[in-house]
Protein backbone atom coordinates (compact mmCIF):
# COMPACT_ATOMS: atom_id res chain seq x y z
CA MET A 1 -13.61 -6.29 -2.72
CA LYS A 2 -15.09 -4.46 -5.18
CA LYS A 3 -13.25 -2.94 -7.89
CA LYS A 4 -13.57 1.00 -7.89
CA PHE A 5 -11.93 2.27 -10.72
CA LYS A 6 -10.99 1.38 -14.27
CA PRO A 7 -8.19 1.92 -16.47
CA GLY A 8 -8.12 5.21 -17.75
CA ASP A 9 -9.55 6.91 -14.74
CA TRP A 10 -8.46 9.97 -13.36
CA VAL A 11 -7.66 9.86 -9.52
CA LYS A 12 -5.75 11.59 -6.87
CA ILE A 13 -4.62 10.77 -3.33
CA LYS A 14 -7.71 11.45 -0.45
CA GLY A 15 -7.14 14.03 2.01
CA SER A 16 -4.30 15.98 0.31
CA ILE A 17 -5.17 19.24 -1.38
CA THR A 18 -1.95 19.39 -3.51
CA ALA A 19 -2.19 15.99 -4.34
CA ARG A 20 -0.81 15.11 -7.96
CA LYS A 21 -3.32 13.94 -10.73
CA MET A 22 -2.63 10.29 -11.72
CA GLN A 23 -4.25 8.05 -14.11
CA VAL A 24 -5.07 4.33 -13.50
CA LEU A 25 -3.19 1.69 -15.45
CA LYS A 26 -4.41 -1.54 -14.06
CA TYR A 27 -5.21 -3.67 -11.16
CA VAL A 28 -2.10 -5.48 -9.97
CA PRO A 29 -2.17 -8.61 -7.73
CA LYS A 30 -0.62 -8.20 -4.34
CA LYS A 31 0.45 -10.96 -2.04
CA ASN A 32 -0.53 -10.66 1.70
CA ALA A 33 2.48 -11.14 3.78
CA ILE A 34 0.53 -12.40 7.12
CA LEU A 35 -1.91 -14.83 5.38
CA GLY A 36 -0.07 -15.64 2.09
CA LEU A 37 -3.11 -14.73 -0.18
CA VAL A 38 -2.98 -13.01 -3.49
CA ASP A 39 -5.26 -9.80 -3.55
CA ASN A 40 -6.35 -9.14 -7.31
CA ASP A 41 -9.03 -6.72 -6.65
CA SER A 42 -7.43 -3.88 -4.25
CA TYR A 43 -4.44 -2.27 -5.48
CA VAL A 44 -4.18 -0.46 -8.66
CA GLU A 45 -1.06 0.89 -10.39
CA CYS A 46 -1.11 4.70 -11.42
CA VAL A 47 0.96 6.82 -13.67
CA TRP A 48 1.95 10.30 -13.53
CA TYR A 49 4.66 12.85 -14.85
CA LYS A 50 6.85 15.21 -13.19
CA ASN A 51 9.35 17.14 -14.93
CA GLY A 52 8.60 15.00 -18.38
CA GLU A 53 9.56 11.89 -16.52
CA ARG A 54 7.39 9.06 -16.10
CA LYS A 55 6.58 7.93 -12.67
CA SER A 56 4.39 5.11 -11.46
CA GLU A 57 3.30 3.54 -8.16
CA VAL A 58 1.15 1.03 -6.85
CA PHE A 59 -1.91 2.27 -4.24
CA HIS A 60 -4.58 0.48 -2.47
CA GLN A 61 -8.01 1.65 -4.07
CA ASN A 62 -9.21 2.98 -0.60
CA LYS A 63 -6.48 5.28 -0.47
CA LEU A 64 -7.64 7.08 -3.62
CA ILE A 65 -10.65 9.05 -4.93
CA ARG A 66 -11.76 9.76 -8.69
CA ILE A 67 -11.73 13.01 -10.01
CA MET A 68 -14.09 14.54 -12.97
CA ASP A 69 -11.33 16.64 -14.54
CA THR A 70 -10.33 14.45 -17.54
CA GLY A 71 -7.86 15.12 -19.92
CA GLY A 72 -4.20 14.37 -21.01
CA PHE A 73 -1.18 15.32 -18.92
CA PHE A 74 -0.09 17.96 -21.46
CA LYS A 75 -2.64 20.55 -22.26
CA THR A 76 -3.20 21.59 -26.01
CA PHE A 77 -4.89 24.91 -26.56
CA SER A 78 -7.11 25.11 -29.60
CA THR A 79 -9.01 28.15 -30.43
CA THR A 80 -12.71 28.26 -31.13
CA PRO A 81 -13.69 28.77 -34.95
CA LYS A 82 -15.35 32.33 -35.48
CA LEU A 83 -18.37 32.63 -37.18
CA SER A 84 -18.91 35.11 -39.70
CA LEU A 85 -22.46 36.02 -41.04
CA THR A 86 -20.91 38.01 -44.02
């Protein structure tokens, strides 16, 4: 299966309006219980923060969608510089 994401991509769970924003860390190998084969290209480990505590979980890549809203978990506010012509 083709990899859909790369480390650093921002994703959320498909179909949920209130889904949390997560960042992809890496693809992880997962063993199929029935066939005994190892799948290296379908499961991603994602990280998010809740109340200042780091959480991570492994998801199948087909359950996630990429979001365009990028940036860190913590927002920093910077003022725009004011230009003066005098």
